N, C-alpha and C. Protein backbone atom coordinates (compact mmCIF):
# COMPACT_ATOMS: atom_id res chain seq x y z
N MET A 1 7.88 3.33 -9.62
CA MET A 1 6.88 3.34 -8.58
C MET A 1 7.20 2.23 -7.58
N ASN A 2 7.07 2.56 -6.31
CA ASN A 2 7.32 1.57 -5.27
C ASN A 2 6.19 0.57 -5.19
N GLU A 3 6.55 -0.66 -4.92
CA GLU A 3 5.54 -1.69 -4.70
C GLU A 3 5.68 -2.17 -3.26
N TYR A 4 4.55 -2.52 -2.68
CA TYR A 4 4.53 -2.93 -1.29
C TYR A 4 3.95 -4.33 -1.17
N ILE A 5 4.41 -5.04 -0.16
CA ILE A 5 3.88 -6.36 0.15
C ILE A 5 3.47 -6.33 1.61
N SER A 6 2.40 -6.99 1.92
CA SER A 6 1.92 -6.94 3.30
C SER A 6 2.83 -7.74 4.22
N ARG A 7 2.89 -7.28 5.43
CA ARG A 7 3.67 -7.97 6.46
C ARG A 7 3.15 -9.39 6.64
N GLU A 8 1.82 -9.53 6.60
CA GLU A 8 1.21 -10.85 6.78
C GLU A 8 1.64 -11.82 5.70
N ALA A 9 1.79 -11.34 4.46
CA ALA A 9 2.21 -12.21 3.37
C ALA A 9 3.64 -12.71 3.59
N VAL A 10 4.52 -11.84 4.05
CA VAL A 10 5.90 -12.23 4.31
C VAL A 10 5.96 -13.21 5.48
N LEU A 11 5.23 -12.90 6.54
CA LEU A 11 5.23 -13.80 7.71
C LEU A 11 4.61 -15.15 7.37
N SER A 12 3.62 -15.15 6.50
CA SER A 12 3.01 -16.41 6.08
C SER A 12 4.03 -17.27 5.32
N LYS A 13 4.80 -16.64 4.44
CA LYS A 13 5.83 -17.37 3.69
C LYS A 13 6.90 -17.90 4.65
N CYS A 14 7.28 -17.09 5.64
CA CYS A 14 8.24 -17.56 6.65
C CYS A 14 7.69 -18.77 7.40
N ALA A 15 6.42 -18.72 7.74
CA ALA A 15 5.80 -19.84 8.46
C ALA A 15 5.81 -21.10 7.60
N ASP A 16 5.56 -20.94 6.30
CA ASP A 16 5.60 -22.09 5.39
C ASP A 16 7.00 -22.71 5.36
N ILE A 17 8.01 -21.86 5.26
CA ILE A 17 9.39 -22.36 5.24
C ILE A 17 9.72 -23.06 6.56
N TRP A 18 9.33 -22.44 7.67
CA TRP A 18 9.59 -23.00 9.00
C TRP A 18 8.90 -24.35 9.13
N ASP A 19 7.63 -24.44 8.69
CA ASP A 19 6.87 -25.69 8.80
C ASP A 19 7.46 -26.81 7.97
N ASN A 20 8.09 -26.46 6.85
CA ASN A 20 8.64 -27.47 5.95
C ASN A 20 10.10 -27.83 6.22
N ALA A 21 10.70 -27.16 7.20
CA ALA A 21 12.09 -27.46 7.54
C ALA A 21 12.16 -28.79 8.29
N ASP A 22 13.16 -29.56 7.96
CA ASP A 22 13.36 -30.88 8.60
C ASP A 22 14.19 -30.69 9.86
N GLU A 23 13.51 -30.70 11.00
CA GLU A 23 14.21 -30.44 12.26
C GLU A 23 15.09 -31.59 12.73
N THR A 24 15.12 -32.67 11.97
CA THR A 24 15.99 -33.79 12.34
C THR A 24 17.38 -33.66 11.71
N THR A 25 17.58 -32.62 10.89
CA THR A 25 18.90 -32.39 10.27
C THR A 25 19.44 -31.05 10.74
N GLN A 26 20.76 -30.91 10.65
CA GLN A 26 21.38 -29.64 11.04
C GLN A 26 20.93 -28.51 10.12
N THR A 27 20.79 -28.81 8.84
CA THR A 27 20.33 -27.79 7.89
C THR A 27 18.92 -27.33 8.26
N GLY A 28 18.05 -28.26 8.59
CA GLY A 28 16.68 -27.92 8.99
C GLY A 28 16.66 -27.07 10.23
N VAL A 29 17.49 -27.42 11.21
CA VAL A 29 17.58 -26.63 12.44
C VAL A 29 18.09 -25.23 12.13
N ASP A 30 19.09 -25.13 11.25
CA ASP A 30 19.62 -23.82 10.86
C ASP A 30 18.54 -22.98 10.17
N ILE A 31 17.74 -23.62 9.32
CA ILE A 31 16.65 -22.92 8.64
C ILE A 31 15.65 -22.39 9.66
N ILE A 32 15.26 -23.23 10.60
CA ILE A 32 14.30 -22.83 11.63
C ILE A 32 14.83 -21.66 12.44
N ASN A 33 16.10 -21.74 12.85
CA ASN A 33 16.70 -20.65 13.63
C ASN A 33 16.78 -19.35 12.83
N THR A 34 17.11 -19.47 11.56
CA THR A 34 17.20 -18.29 10.70
C THR A 34 15.82 -17.68 10.49
N ILE A 35 14.83 -18.52 10.21
CA ILE A 35 13.46 -18.03 10.02
C ILE A 35 12.95 -17.36 11.30
N ASP A 36 13.28 -17.90 12.45
CA ASP A 36 12.89 -17.27 13.71
C ASP A 36 13.47 -15.86 13.81
N LYS A 37 14.74 -15.71 13.45
CA LYS A 37 15.38 -14.38 13.50
C LYS A 37 14.76 -13.43 12.48
N ILE A 38 14.50 -13.93 11.28
CA ILE A 38 13.88 -13.11 10.24
C ILE A 38 12.48 -12.67 10.68
N THR A 39 11.72 -13.60 11.22
CA THR A 39 10.36 -13.29 11.68
C THR A 39 10.39 -12.23 12.77
N ASP A 40 11.30 -12.38 13.74
CA ASP A 40 11.42 -11.39 14.81
C ASP A 40 11.75 -10.01 14.22
N PHE A 41 12.66 -9.99 13.24
CA PHE A 41 13.05 -8.72 12.61
C PHE A 41 11.86 -8.09 11.90
N ILE A 42 11.15 -8.88 11.11
CA ILE A 42 10.01 -8.36 10.35
C ILE A 42 8.94 -7.82 11.31
N GLU A 43 8.69 -8.54 12.38
CA GLU A 43 7.68 -8.09 13.34
C GLU A 43 8.10 -6.81 14.06
N SER A 44 9.39 -6.51 14.11
CA SER A 44 9.86 -5.31 14.79
C SER A 44 9.82 -4.07 13.89
N LEU A 45 9.63 -4.27 12.59
CA LEU A 45 9.62 -3.13 11.66
C LEU A 45 8.35 -2.31 11.83
N PRO A 46 8.49 -0.98 11.72
CA PRO A 46 7.27 -0.16 11.76
C PRO A 46 6.45 -0.39 10.50
N VAL A 47 5.16 -0.26 10.62
CA VAL A 47 4.29 -0.47 9.46
C VAL A 47 3.47 0.79 9.21
N THR A 48 2.95 0.86 8.02
CA THR A 48 2.05 1.95 7.66
C THR A 48 0.93 1.40 6.81
N ASP A 49 -0.16 2.10 6.81
CA ASP A 49 -1.31 1.70 6.01
C ASP A 49 -1.15 2.32 4.63
N VAL A 50 -0.79 1.53 3.66
CA VAL A 50 -0.58 2.02 2.30
C VAL A 50 -1.88 1.84 1.53
N GLN A 51 -2.40 2.94 1.03
CA GLN A 51 -3.64 2.91 0.28
C GLN A 51 -3.36 2.91 -1.22
N PRO A 52 -4.13 2.16 -1.99
CA PRO A 52 -3.98 2.22 -3.45
C PRO A 52 -4.30 3.63 -3.95
N LEU A 53 -3.67 4.01 -5.04
CA LEU A 53 -3.92 5.33 -5.61
C LEU A 53 -5.39 5.55 -5.93
N SER A 54 -6.08 4.51 -6.34
CA SER A 54 -7.50 4.66 -6.68
C SER A 54 -8.31 5.10 -5.46
N VAL A 55 -7.98 4.59 -4.29
CA VAL A 55 -8.69 4.98 -3.06
C VAL A 55 -8.39 6.43 -2.73
N VAL A 56 -7.13 6.81 -2.86
CA VAL A 56 -6.73 8.19 -2.59
C VAL A 56 -7.41 9.13 -3.58
N ALA A 57 -7.42 8.76 -4.86
CA ALA A 57 -8.03 9.59 -5.89
C ALA A 57 -9.52 9.80 -5.62
N GLU A 58 -10.23 8.74 -5.24
CA GLU A 58 -11.66 8.87 -4.96
C GLU A 58 -11.91 9.79 -3.77
N HIS A 59 -11.06 9.70 -2.77
CA HIS A 59 -11.21 10.57 -1.60
C HIS A 59 -10.99 12.03 -2.00
N ILE A 60 -9.96 12.29 -2.77
CA ILE A 60 -9.68 13.67 -3.20
C ILE A 60 -10.82 14.21 -4.06
N LYS A 61 -11.30 13.38 -4.99
CA LYS A 61 -12.42 13.83 -5.84
C LYS A 61 -13.65 14.16 -4.99
N LYS A 62 -13.96 13.31 -4.04
CA LYS A 62 -15.11 13.54 -3.17
C LYS A 62 -14.97 14.87 -2.43
N ARG A 63 -13.78 15.11 -1.89
CA ARG A 63 -13.54 16.36 -1.15
C ARG A 63 -13.60 17.58 -2.07
N LEU A 64 -13.10 17.45 -3.29
CA LEU A 64 -13.19 18.56 -4.24
C LEU A 64 -14.64 18.87 -4.60
N TYR A 65 -15.42 17.83 -4.85
CA TYR A 65 -16.84 18.05 -5.17
C TYR A 65 -17.57 18.69 -3.99
N GLN A 66 -17.25 18.26 -2.77
CA GLN A 66 -17.85 18.87 -1.59
C GLN A 66 -17.49 20.35 -1.50
N THR A 67 -16.22 20.63 -1.77
CA THR A 67 -15.77 22.03 -1.74
C THR A 67 -16.48 22.85 -2.81
N ALA A 68 -16.60 22.29 -4.01
CA ALA A 68 -17.29 23.00 -5.09
C ALA A 68 -18.74 23.26 -4.72
N PHE A 69 -19.39 22.28 -4.13
CA PHE A 69 -20.79 22.42 -3.74
C PHE A 69 -20.99 23.55 -2.74
N ASN A 70 -19.98 23.73 -1.86
CA ASN A 70 -20.08 24.75 -0.82
C ASN A 70 -19.48 26.10 -1.23
N THR A 71 -19.09 26.23 -2.49
CA THR A 71 -18.49 27.47 -2.98
C THR A 71 -19.55 28.29 -3.71
N THR A 72 -19.66 29.55 -3.34
CA THR A 72 -20.67 30.41 -3.96
C THR A 72 -20.18 31.06 -5.25
N ASP A 73 -18.89 31.19 -5.40
CA ASP A 73 -18.33 31.80 -6.61
C ASP A 73 -18.39 30.80 -7.76
N GLU A 74 -19.16 31.12 -8.79
CA GLU A 74 -19.39 30.18 -9.89
C GLU A 74 -18.10 29.82 -10.62
N LYS A 75 -17.23 30.79 -10.86
CA LYS A 75 -15.98 30.53 -11.56
C LYS A 75 -15.08 29.60 -10.74
N ALA A 76 -15.00 29.84 -9.46
CA ALA A 76 -14.20 28.99 -8.58
C ALA A 76 -14.79 27.58 -8.54
N ARG A 77 -16.13 27.49 -8.46
CA ARG A 77 -16.79 26.19 -8.43
C ARG A 77 -16.50 25.40 -9.71
N ASP A 78 -16.58 26.07 -10.86
CA ASP A 78 -16.30 25.39 -12.13
C ASP A 78 -14.85 24.91 -12.20
N THR A 79 -13.94 25.70 -11.67
CA THR A 79 -12.52 25.32 -11.65
C THR A 79 -12.30 24.10 -10.77
N ILE A 80 -12.94 24.10 -9.61
CA ILE A 80 -12.79 22.96 -8.68
C ILE A 80 -13.38 21.69 -9.29
N VAL A 81 -14.53 21.78 -9.91
CA VAL A 81 -15.15 20.62 -10.55
C VAL A 81 -14.25 20.12 -11.69
N ASP A 82 -13.68 21.03 -12.44
CA ASP A 82 -12.76 20.64 -13.52
C ASP A 82 -11.56 19.88 -12.96
N MET A 83 -11.03 20.34 -11.85
CA MET A 83 -9.90 19.65 -11.21
C MET A 83 -10.32 18.25 -10.78
N ALA A 84 -11.49 18.13 -10.19
CA ALA A 84 -11.96 16.82 -9.73
C ALA A 84 -12.08 15.84 -10.90
N LYS A 85 -12.53 16.35 -12.04
CA LYS A 85 -12.67 15.50 -13.22
C LYS A 85 -11.32 15.05 -13.77
N ARG A 86 -10.26 15.78 -13.47
CA ARG A 86 -8.92 15.47 -14.00
C ARG A 86 -8.11 14.53 -13.11
N ILE A 87 -8.56 14.28 -11.90
CA ILE A 87 -7.80 13.47 -10.94
C ILE A 87 -7.40 12.12 -11.53
N ASP A 88 -8.35 11.41 -12.15
CA ASP A 88 -8.04 10.09 -12.71
C ASP A 88 -6.96 10.17 -13.79
N ILE A 89 -7.01 11.20 -14.60
CA ILE A 89 -5.99 11.39 -15.65
C ILE A 89 -4.63 11.59 -15.00
N TRP A 90 -4.57 12.41 -13.97
CA TRP A 90 -3.30 12.68 -13.31
C TRP A 90 -2.76 11.42 -12.62
N ILE A 91 -3.64 10.65 -12.00
CA ILE A 91 -3.22 9.40 -11.36
C ILE A 91 -2.68 8.43 -12.41
N ASP A 92 -3.35 8.33 -13.56
CA ASP A 92 -2.88 7.47 -14.63
C ASP A 92 -1.49 7.88 -15.10
N GLU A 93 -1.21 9.18 -15.12
CA GLU A 93 0.12 9.67 -15.50
C GLU A 93 1.20 9.13 -14.56
N LEU A 94 0.88 9.03 -13.29
CA LEU A 94 1.84 8.49 -12.33
C LEU A 94 2.18 7.04 -12.63
N GLY A 95 1.18 6.27 -13.01
CA GLY A 95 1.38 4.86 -13.30
C GLY A 95 2.20 4.62 -14.55
N SER A 96 2.20 5.55 -15.48
CA SER A 96 2.92 5.37 -16.74
C SER A 96 4.38 5.76 -16.64
N LYS A 97 4.82 6.25 -15.49
CA LYS A 97 6.22 6.71 -15.34
C LYS A 97 7.03 5.69 -14.56
N ASN A 98 7.11 4.47 -15.07
CA ASN A 98 7.88 3.41 -14.39
C ASN A 98 9.32 3.45 -14.77
């Protein structure tokens, strides 16, 4: 399973390194210049809003229950409700396949 780290967390760590670099030495200047380049690169990367599986699962369950509520066919409604009840089990299966 992929893990994600926020852009802000990486930029914060870069800022910490930059702040602690000794600008009176060549090594410190090199660190500052490198961190500047890394920061510029990170800021240029496209980002996406990654949602935890639990948030996605709750949204899907809510939509399934809404669909079941609006379904007149009793057999179809029971099937949809059964699927909604299984979402957490299926999400847990994803987490166990590392």
